[in-house]
Protein backbone atom coordinates (compact mmCIF):
# COMPACT_ATOMS: atom_id res chain seq x y z
CA UNK A 1 0.00 -0.05 0.01
CA UNK A 2 1.56 3.35 -1.04
CA UNK A 3 -1.01 5.60 0.35
CA UNK A 4 -0.44 5.93 4.08
CA UNK A 5 -3.81 7.49 4.52
CA UNK A 6 -5.62 4.07 3.60
CA UNK A 7 -3.60 2.36 6.37
CA UNK A 8 -4.53 5.07 8.71
CA UNK A 9 -8.22 4.79 7.60
CA UNK A 10 -8.08 0.96 8.59
CA UNK A 11 -6.64 1.72 11.99
CA UNK A 12 -9.14 4.63 12.58
CA UNK A 13 -11.95 1.92 11.86
CA UNK A 14 -10.60 -0.50 14.39
CA UNK A 15 -10.37 2.28 16.79
CA UNK A 16 -14.03 3.46 16.00
CA UNK A 17 -15.28 -0.30 16.35
CA UNK A 18 -13.37 -0.94 19.64
CA UNK A 19 -10.85 -3.42 18.25
CA UNK A 20 -8.17 -0.96 19.29
CA UNK A 21 -9.00 0.64 22.69
CA UNK A 22 -7.90 3.94 24.38
CA UNK A 23 -4.49 3.36 26.10
CA UNK A 24 -3.51 0.38 23.82
CA UNK A 25 0.03 0.59 22.67
CA UNK A 26 0.58 0.42 18.92
CA UNK A 27 3.53 -1.88 17.67
CA UNK A 28 6.93 -0.17 17.21
CA UNK A 29 7.01 1.40 13.70
CA UNK A 30 9.61 -0.91 12.27
CA UNK A 31 7.45 -4.11 13.32
CA UNK A 32 4.37 -2.44 12.02
CA UNK A 33 6.26 -1.69 8.73
CA UNK A 34 7.06 -5.42 8.43
CA UNK A 35 3.58 -6.60 9.29
CA UNK A 36 2.00 -4.32 6.70
CA UNK A 37 4.74 -4.82 4.04
CA UNK A 38 5.49 -1.22 3.79
CA UNK A 39 8.59 1.12 4.22
CA UNK A 40 9.52 2.44 7.73
CA UNK A 41 9.10 5.87 6.52
CA UNK A 42 5.42 5.24 5.53
CA UNK A 43 4.68 3.48 8.81
CA UNK A 44 5.95 6.90 10.39
CA UNK A 45 3.59 8.73 8.23
CA UNK A 46 0.73 6.45 9.34
CA UNK A 47 1.45 7.07 12.96
CA UNK A 48 1.84 10.72 12.36
CA UNK A 49 -1.70 10.79 10.57
CA UNK A 50 -3.28 9.13 13.63
CA UNK A 51 -1.74 11.68 15.85
CA UNK A 52 -3.01 14.48 13.56
CA UNK A 53 -6.50 13.12 13.73
CA UNK A 54 -6.43 13.01 17.40
CA UNK A 55 -6.68 9.13 17.47
CA UNK A 56 -3.26 8.62 18.93
CA UNK A 57 -0.47 10.30 20.98
CA UNK A 58 3.13 9.52 20.76
CA UNK A 59 5.47 9.59 23.89
CA UNK A 60 9.08 9.74 23.33
CA UNK A 61 10.83 6.58 24.80
CA UNK A 62 7.41 4.72 25.46
CA UNK A 63 5.86 4.53 21.88
CA UNK A 64 2.48 5.42 20.34
CA UNK A 65 -0.89 5.07 22.23
CA UNK A 66 -4.42 4.99 21.04
CA UNK A 67 -6.14 8.02 22.32
CA UNK A 68 -9.68 7.98 21.23
CA UNK A 69 -11.94 5.01 20.78
CA UNK A 70 -15.62 3.78 21.02
CA UNK A 71 -17.44 6.20 23.08
CA UNK A 72 -17.83 5.13 26.74
CA UNK A 73 -21.13 4.80 28.50
CA UNK A 74 -20.83 8.07 30.21
CA UNK A 75 -21.64 11.29 28.14
CA UNK A 76 -18.46 12.76 26.70
CA UNK A 77 -17.96 16.45 27.56
CA UNK A 78 -17.87 18.64 24.34
CA UNK A 79 -18.42 22.09 23.09
CA UNK A 80 -21.93 22.82 21.32
CA UNK A 81 -21.78 21.06 17.93
CA UNK A 82 -19.83 18.03 19.17
CA UNK A 83 -16.34 19.36 18.89
CA UNK A 84 -13.86 18.30 21.64
CA UNK A 85 -12.86 20.53 24.43
CA UNK A 86 -9.30 21.69 23.36
CA UNK A 87 -6.95 22.09 26.28
CA UNK A 88 -3.96 21.72 24.04
CA UNK A 89 -3.82 24.70 21.83
CA UNK A 90 -3.46 28.04 23.61
CA UNK A 91 -5.01 30.90 21.49
CA UNK A 92 -7.39 33.37 22.91
CA UNK A 93 -9.80 35.26 20.72
CA UNK A 94 -12.16 37.34 22.85
CA UNK A 95 -15.48 37.93 21.36
CA UNK A 96 -14.82 41.74 21.00
CA UNK A 97 -11.64 41.20 19.07
CA UNK A 98 -12.92 40.87 15.51
CA UNK A 99 -14.70 44.14 15.70
CA UNK A 100 -11.81 45.87 17.22
CA UNK A 101 -9.43 44.66 14.52
CA UNK A 102 -12.00 45.54 11.68
CA UNK A 103 -12.33 49.03 12.83
CA UNK A 104 -8.61 49.28 13.18
CA UNK A 105 -8.13 48.41 9.37
CA UNK A 106 -10.76 50.67 7.95
CA UNK A 107 -8.19 53.14 6.82
CA UNK A 108 -5.90 50.35 5.28
CA UNK A 109 -8.80 49.16 3.19
CA UNK A 110 -9.15 52.41 1.33
CA UNK A 111 -7.62 51.85 -2.33
CA UNK A 112 -4.72 54.19 -1.90
CA UNK A 113 -3.65 52.83 1.28
CA UNK A 114 -4.23 49.21 0.05
CA UNK A 115 -2.10 49.80 -3.11
CA UNK A 116 0.89 51.02 -0.83
CA UNK A 117 0.62 47.78 1.19
CA UNK A 118 1.03 45.44 -1.74
CA UNK A 119 4.55 45.81 -2.93
CA UNK A 120 7.29 43.50 -1.36
CA UNK A 121 9.55 44.71 1.59
CA UNK A 122 12.68 43.59 3.24
CA UNK A 123 13.21 42.20 6.53
CA UNK A 124 13.67 45.54 8.34
CA UNK A 125 9.89 46.39 7.59
CA UNK A 126 8.96 50.00 7.29
CA UNK A 127 9.83 53.04 9.43
CA UNK A 128 6.27 52.90 10.67
CA UNK A 129 6.19 49.29 11.93
CA UNK A 130 9.71 49.58 13.44
CA UNK A 131 8.76 52.63 15.47
CA UNK A 132 5.44 51.00 16.57
CA UNK A 133 7.15 47.75 17.51
CA UNK A 134 10.05 49.49 19.36
CA UNK A 135 7.23 51.36 21.34
CA UNK A 136 5.30 47.94 21.99
CA UNK A 137 8.49 46.30 23.29
CA UNK A 138 9.64 49.21 25.54
CA UNK A 139 9.57 48.95 29.38
CA UNK A 140 10.47 51.71 31.89
CA UNK A 141 14.30 51.96 31.64
CA UNK A 142 14.53 50.00 28.36
CA UNK A 143 13.82 50.66 24.77
CA UNK A 144 15.01 48.47 21.94
CA UNK A 145 16.80 50.36 19.09
CA UNK A 146 14.29 50.31 16.23
CA UNK A 147 17.24 50.51 13.79
CA UNK A 148 18.06 46.77 14.65
CA UNK A 149 14.28 45.35 14.54
CA UNK A 150 13.84 42.47 11.96
CA UNK A 151 10.62 41.09 11.01
CA UNK A 152 9.40 37.63 10.09
CA UNK A 153 5.86 36.14 9.27
CA UNK A 154 5.42 34.93 12.80
CA UNK A 155 7.34 34.34 16.15
CA UNK A 156 8.20 30.72 15.07
CA UNK A 157 10.02 31.98 12.00
CA UNK A 158 11.85 34.63 13.90
CA UNK A 159 13.02 31.78 16.36
CA UNK A 160 14.08 29.48 13.59
CA UNK A 161 15.94 32.34 11.78
CA UNK A 162 17.70 33.35 15.03
CA UNK A 163 18.81 29.49 15.77
CA UNK A 164 19.97 29.34 12.16
CA UNK A 165 22.01 32.41 12.52
CA UNK A 166 23.75 31.56 15.90
CA UNK A 167 23.99 27.71 15.77
CA UNK A 168 25.63 25.94 12.76
CA UNK A 169 24.67 22.49 11.53
CA UNK A 170 25.86 19.94 14.07
CA UNK A 171 26.53 22.27 16.67
CA UNK A 172 24.79 22.38 20.30
CA UNK A 173 22.00 24.69 21.42
CA UNK A 174 21.09 24.81 25.25
CA UNK A 175 17.46 24.59 26.07
CA UNK A 176 15.29 24.17 29.02
CA UNK A 177 14.76 20.42 29.77
CA UNK A 178 11.16 20.94 29.25
CA UNK A 179 10.72 23.47 26.32
CA UNK A 180 8.26 24.80 23.59
CA UNK A 181 7.87 21.74 21.20
CA UNK A 182 8.41 23.73 17.98
CA UNK A 183 11.91 24.42 19.01
CA UNK A 184 12.51 20.51 18.80
CA UNK A 185 11.15 20.42 15.37
CA UNK A 186 13.12 23.64 14.28
CA UNK A 187 16.48 22.00 15.60
CA UNK A 188 15.75 18.77 13.76
CA UNK A 189 15.23 20.55 10.53
CA UNK A 190 18.31 22.74 11.00
CA UNK A 191 20.53 19.73 12.19
CA UNK A 192 20.90 21.33 15.58
CA UNK A 193 21.58 19.21 18.77
CA UNK A 194 19.58 20.30 21.76
CA UNK A 195 21.13 20.00 25.09
CA UNK A 196 18.59 19.89 28.08
CA UNK A 197 19.23 22.26 30.92
CA UNK A 198 17.92 21.91 34.47
CA UNK A 199 15.17 24.33 35.60
CA UNK A 200 13.84 24.98 39.04
CA UNK A 201 11.18 27.32 40.61
CA UNK A 202 13.33 30.38 39.71
CA UNK A 203 13.87 29.55 36.16
CA UNK A 204 16.84 27.99 34.27
CA UNK A 205 19.66 27.01 36.54
CA UNK A 206 23.00 28.93 35.59
CA UNK A 207 25.19 26.00 36.89
CA UNK A 208 23.52 23.67 34.59
CA UNK A 209 24.20 25.94 31.59
CA UNK A 210 27.84 26.30 32.70
CA UNK A 211 28.35 22.54 33.28
CA UNK A 212 26.85 21.75 29.84
CA UNK A 213 29.03 24.35 28.05
CA UNK A 214 32.09 23.09 29.79
CA UNK A 215 31.41 19.52 28.98
CA UNK A 216 31.24 20.36 25.27
CA UNK A 217 30.74 23.91 23.87
CA UNK A 218 27.39 25.34 23.20
CA UNK A 219 26.77 28.06 20.57
CA UNK A 220 23.66 29.61 22.22
CA UNK A 221 20.88 29.01 24.69
CA UNK A 222 17.06 29.32 23.96
CA UNK A 223 15.12 30.30 26.93
CA UNK A 224 11.56 31.59 28.01
CA UNK A 225 12.05 33.79 31.11
CA UNK A 226 8.51 34.90 31.29
CA UNK A 227 5.52 32.58 31.72
CA UNK A 228 7.64 29.56 30.57
CA UNK A 229 5.80 27.11 28.33
CA UNK A 230 4.91 24.52 29.72
CA UNK A 231 5.85 25.02 33.34
CA UNK A 232 4.30 28.61 33.65
CA UNK A 233 7.44 29.75 35.64
CA UNK A 234 8.71 33.29 35.48
CA UNK A 235 12.36 33.64 36.16
CA UNK A 236 13.19 35.66 39.32
CA UNK A 237 15.11 38.90 39.19
CA UNK A 238 18.14 37.43 40.94
CA UNK A 239 18.22 34.52 38.65
CA UNK A 240 18.07 36.77 35.66
CA UNK A 241 21.04 38.63 36.96
CA UNK A 242 22.88 35.35 37.77
CA UNK A 243 22.25 34.14 34.22
CA UNK A 244 23.27 37.40 32.47
CA UNK A 245 26.59 37.27 34.33
CA UNK A 246 26.92 33.61 33.24
CA UNK A 247 26.45 34.58 29.56
CA UNK A 248 29.04 37.27 29.74
CA UNK A 249 31.46 35.05 31.48
CA UNK A 250 31.07 32.11 28.91
CA UNK A 251 30.76 34.29 25.92
CA UNK A 252 27.38 32.63 24.92
CA UNK A 253 24.38 34.23 23.18
CA UNK A 254 20.93 33.57 24.40
CA UNK A 255 17.58 33.66 22.52
CA UNK A 256 14.87 35.05 24.73
CA UNK A 257 11.27 34.07 23.65
CA UNK A 258 9.01 36.62 25.02
CA UNK A 259 5.74 35.43 23.30
CA UNK A 260 3.90 35.34 26.78
CA UNK A 261 5.49 38.26 28.35
CA UNK A 262 2.74 40.60 27.46
CA UNK A 263 0.39 38.72 30.01
CA UNK A 264 3.00 39.38 32.89
CA UNK A 265 4.14 42.55 34.65
CA UNK A 266 7.86 41.87 34.38
CA UNK A 267 9.63 45.13 34.60
CA UNK A 268 12.04 44.68 31.79
CA UNK A 269 12.88 41.70 29.56
CA UNK A 270 15.95 39.62 30.19
CA UNK A 271 17.62 41.29 27.09
CA UNK A 272 17.93 44.54 29.00
CA UNK A 273 20.34 42.76 31.42
CA UNK A 274 22.66 41.60 28.58
CA UNK A 275 21.87 43.51 25.46
CA UNK A 276 24.96 42.49 23.61
CA UNK A 277 24.33 38.82 24.28
CA UNK A 278 20.66 38.35 23.86
CA UNK A 279 18.30 38.18 20.74
CA UNK A 280 14.79 39.02 21.89
CA UNK A 281 12.05 37.29 19.85
CA UNK A 282 8.31 38.14 20.14
CA UNK A 283 5.19 38.11 18.03
CA UNK A 284 1.50 38.92 17.54
CA UNK A 285 0.02 35.37 17.65
CA UNK A 286 -0.74 35.56 21.18
CA UNK A 287 -1.39 39.02 21.48
CA UNK A 288 -3.65 39.19 18.43
CA UNK A 289 -4.21 35.81 16.82
CA UNK A 290 -2.29 33.01 15.08
CA UNK A 291 -4.02 33.89 11.75
CA UNK A 292 -3.13 37.45 12.02
CA UNK A 293 0.46 37.26 13.08
CA UNK A 294 3.87 38.75 12.72
CA UNK A 295 7.07 37.98 14.32
CA UNK A 296 9.98 40.17 15.23
CA UNK A 297 13.47 39.78 16.49
CA UNK A 298 15.64 42.34 18.25
CA UNK A 299 19.30 41.36 17.96
CA UNK A 300 22.44 43.10 19.27
CA UNK A 301 24.01 45.25 16.57
CA UNK A 302 26.65 42.90 15.90
CA UNK A 303 24.32 40.07 15.15
CA UNK A 304 21.79 42.01 13.02
CA UNK A 305 23.26 41.14 9.74
CA UNK A 306 23.36 37.37 10.55
CA UNK A 307 19.79 37.14 11.65
CA UNK A 308 18.68 39.14 8.77
CA UNK A 309 20.50 37.07 6.40
CA UNK A 310 18.86 33.92 7.94
CA UNK A 311 15.55 35.32 7.66
CA UNK A 312 16.32 36.17 3.81
CA UNK A 313 17.62 32.63 3.15
CA UNK A 314 14.72 30.90 4.92
CA UNK A 315 12.21 33.06 3.15
CA UNK A 316 10.74 33.84 6.39
CA UNK A 317 10.28 37.59 5.66
CA UNK A 318 6.81 39.21 6.56
CA UNK A 319 4.65 40.43 3.81
CA UNK A 320 4.08 44.07 3.69
CA UNK A 321 0.33 43.86 4.37
CA UNK A 322 0.94 42.07 7.60
CA UNK A 323 3.39 44.97 8.52
CA UNK A 324 0.98 47.61 7.67
CA UNK A 325 -2.00 45.79 9.43
CA UNK A 326 0.29 45.53 12.61
CA UNK A 327 1.13 49.14 12.43
CA UNK A 328 -2.56 50.07 12.61
CA UNK A 329 -3.20 47.81 15.59
CA UNK A 330 0.10 49.02 17.34
CA UNK A 331 -0.38 52.75 16.75
CA UNK A 332 -4.21 53.21 17.37
CA UNK A 333 -4.34 51.29 20.84
CA UNK A 334 -6.09 48.02 19.39
CA UNK A 335 -3.18 45.83 20.33
CA UNK A 336 -2.99 47.64 23.94
CA UNK A 337 -6.65 47.09 24.30
CA UNK A 338 -6.62 43.55 23.46
CA UNK A 339 -3.64 42.81 25.69
CA UNK A 340 -5.59 44.24 28.77
CA UNK A 341 -8.70 42.11 27.88
CA UNK A 342 -6.51 39.00 27.65
CA UNK A 343 -4.70 39.79 31.03
CA UNK A 344 -8.10 39.98 32.66
CA UNK A 345 -9.29 36.81 30.72
CA UNK A 346 -6.15 34.82 31.72
CA UNK A 347 -6.31 35.66 35.41
CA UNK A 348 -10.14 34.82 35.45
CA UNK A 349 -9.21 31.17 33.88
CA UNK A 350 -6.46 30.70 36.26
CA UNK A 351 -8.91 31.21 39.21
CA UNK A 352 -11.36 28.71 37.73
CA UNK A 353 -8.43 26.40 37.39
CA UNK A 354 -7.42 26.93 41.12
CA UNK A 355 -10.95 26.30 42.22
CA UNK A 356 -11.53 23.08 40.19
CA UNK A 357 -8.09 21.44 40.70
CA UNK A 358 -7.43 22.57 44.23
CA UNK A 359 -5.66 19.92 46.13
CA UNK A 360 -3.61 18.67 43.05
CA UNK A 361 -0.10 19.31 42.17
CA UNK A 362 -0.83 22.06 39.54
CA UNK A 363 1.61 24.88 39.13
CA UNK A 364 1.76 27.95 36.99
CA UNK A 365 1.99 31.61 36.86
CA UNK A 366 -1.52 33.15 37.94
CA UNK A 367 -1.24 35.53 34.80
CA UNK A 368 -0.60 32.51 32.38
CA UNK A 369 -3.08 30.87 30.09
CA UNK A 370 -1.53 27.49 30.93
CA UNK A 371 -0.62 25.48 33.79
CA UNK A 372 1.39 22.30 34.61
CA UNK A 373 -0.17 19.24 36.33
CA UNK A 374 1.98 16.68 38.18
CA UNK A 375 -0.42 13.72 38.06
CA UNK A 376 -1.14 11.61 41.04
CA UNK A 377 -0.21 8.01 41.30
CA UNK A 378 -1.03 5.65 39.56
CA UNK A 379 -1.56 7.94 36.46
CA UNK A 380 0.95 8.22 33.71
CA UNK A 381 0.81 11.05 31.22
CA UNK A 382 -0.27 8.96 28.25
CA UNK A 383 -2.84 7.02 30.05
CA UNK A 384 -4.45 10.08 31.54
CA UNK A 385 -4.45 11.65 27.98
CA UNK A 386 -6.24 8.66 26.72
CA UNK A 387 -8.68 8.83 29.56
CA UNK A 388 -9.42 12.56 29.01
CA UNK A 389 -9.91 11.99 25.35
CA UNK A 390 -12.52 9.31 25.94
CA UNK A 391 -14.46 12.09 27.87
CA UNK A 392 -13.97 14.53 24.89
CA UNK A 393 -10.96 16.49 26.37
CA UNK A 394 -7.83 17.11 24.63
CA UNK A 395 -4.65 17.73 26.87
CA UNK A 396 -0.88 17.70 26.06
CA UNK A 397 1.44 15.12 27.76
CA UNK A 398 4.67 16.11 29.21
CA UNK A 399 6.52 14.23 26.46
CA UNK A 400 5.73 16.65 23.85
CA UNK A 401 7.90 19.16 25.88
CA UNK A 402 10.76 16.88 27.10
CA UNK A 403 14.11 16.95 25.40
CA UNK A 404 15.47 13.85 26.73
CA UNK A 405 13.70 10.56 25.36
CA UNK A 406 12.13 8.47 28.19
CA UNK A 407 12.59 11.35 30.90
CA UNK A 408 9.30 12.87 30.71
CA UNK A 409 7.50 13.21 34.08
CA UNK A 410 4.07 12.05 34.67
CA UNK A 411 2.49 15.35 33.95
CA UNK A 412 0.26 17.29 31.44
CA UNK A 413 -0.01 20.92 30.30
CA UNK A 414 -3.43 22.26 30.35
CA UNK A 415 -4.09 25.27 27.91
CA UNK A 416 -6.86 27.36 29.28
CA UNK A 417 -7.56 29.94 26.54
CA UNK A 418 -10.03 28.40 24.07
CA UNK A 419 -13.13 27.14 25.64
CA UNK A 420 -15.88 29.27 27.15
CA UNK A 421 -15.58 29.82 31.01
CA UNK A 422 -18.54 27.53 31.73
CA UNK A 423 -17.08 24.62 29.44
CA UNK A 424 -13.67 25.16 30.96
CA UNK A 425 -14.91 24.68 34.39
CA UNK A 426 -16.90 21.67 33.48
CA UNK A 427 -13.94 20.12 31.65
CA UNK A 428 -11.53 20.71 34.76
CA UNK A 429 -14.30 18.94 36.77
CA UNK A 430 -14.25 16.07 34.60
CA UNK A 431 -10.40 15.90 34.63
CA UNK A 432 -10.24 16.04 38.36
CA UNK A 433 -12.78 13.30 38.71
CA UNK A 434 -10.48 11.18 36.28
CA UNK A 435 -7.45 11.96 38.32
CA UNK A 436 -9.11 10.90 41.57
CA UNK A 437 -9.75 7.53 40.11
CA UNK A 438 -7.46 4.97 38.60
CA UNK A 439 -6.91 4.02 34.82
CA UNK A 440 -8.81 0.81 35.57
CA UNK A 441 -11.88 2.94 36.41
CA UNK A 442 -11.83 4.51 32.93
CA UNK A 443 -11.09 1.30 30.98
CA UNK A 444 -7.46 2.74 30.18
CA UNK A 445 -4.56 0.56 31.44
């Protein structure tokens, strides 16, 4: 069989019929390939298709497990219309947002303004968007130099370009031991080796960074000082100072992912403590929406040409219309209004989470849109994910964030942004009920 989708359809039918049950472990990919008489690469695509459809979940070092099967006797919790409750993706789109954005773009929709937004533009954007972005990122006592601002289609592209600029193929990039999953994919594409670094309640541990660099040189370190994804930790002021001193002493560069920082009240970004050693990366996917995004990087003067070249060679430059639209939202107060709305919304959702999951080992910043749940015994992440899926709720296992295969804790990340408040509360009640029981109670073993 050449079409991997046909094989995925056959497995999906087995899941729907109950021949494969939630929590069942699928064969290793090489064995599956032999059994079906297909290439190992085709087997990998089959498993990837099952994951994409939400029917399976892969955990590094453990294997791939069935995630959704025949509906259980109890009613599944779902949004109106039958969709699953999504606690995996973390994008907030408040009800008032479309009208706010549309009003802001009225001027850009005039023929003359629209015509001016159609020609191509380089990685440095336009003077208007550079000034507006510098103002957006400014904090008391720190303002990025607008002359060094660079623009990508979104924050992910800005991260990829910065990694490509700093870390040659085959070299090592330090990352927090649990990190943003997209960075794992970017590193694989770029041929970069990720080195996991210990994290505690104060953030990335400087001694871990130094030890890893001494063992074999790192080219840079990627970190999330504000509202870390997935842990929700915000790095303390003293830890930031220690880490900045470590970067200077080791001569290392850092990539600061500030995508969630707008939700926090941190006084200045980490880049302000080591401006010549840190590339700050941010974007509009969380502030605005993933479909209306823009990414930006603020490199030190000495790195600006390298990051710009990486953006151009990766074809990650932003379209001019996106730059003009962002300029409208940033200069007329729309982005600031949305940020305030989302800060209040995130705080309210955290209150619901604390009320519904009180007594469990759940951590996270009260200003974040996500939290980290260390599951009680005897639950493992993959079985809990399967049990939640049977009740119509999607959550993310720790393995998605872990750098070291087989070292993921028994934990899940809950993204709180998407469901309505009532649906979120109901979903958390269901998850709490599952956690108080055992895998055997839910038919997942």
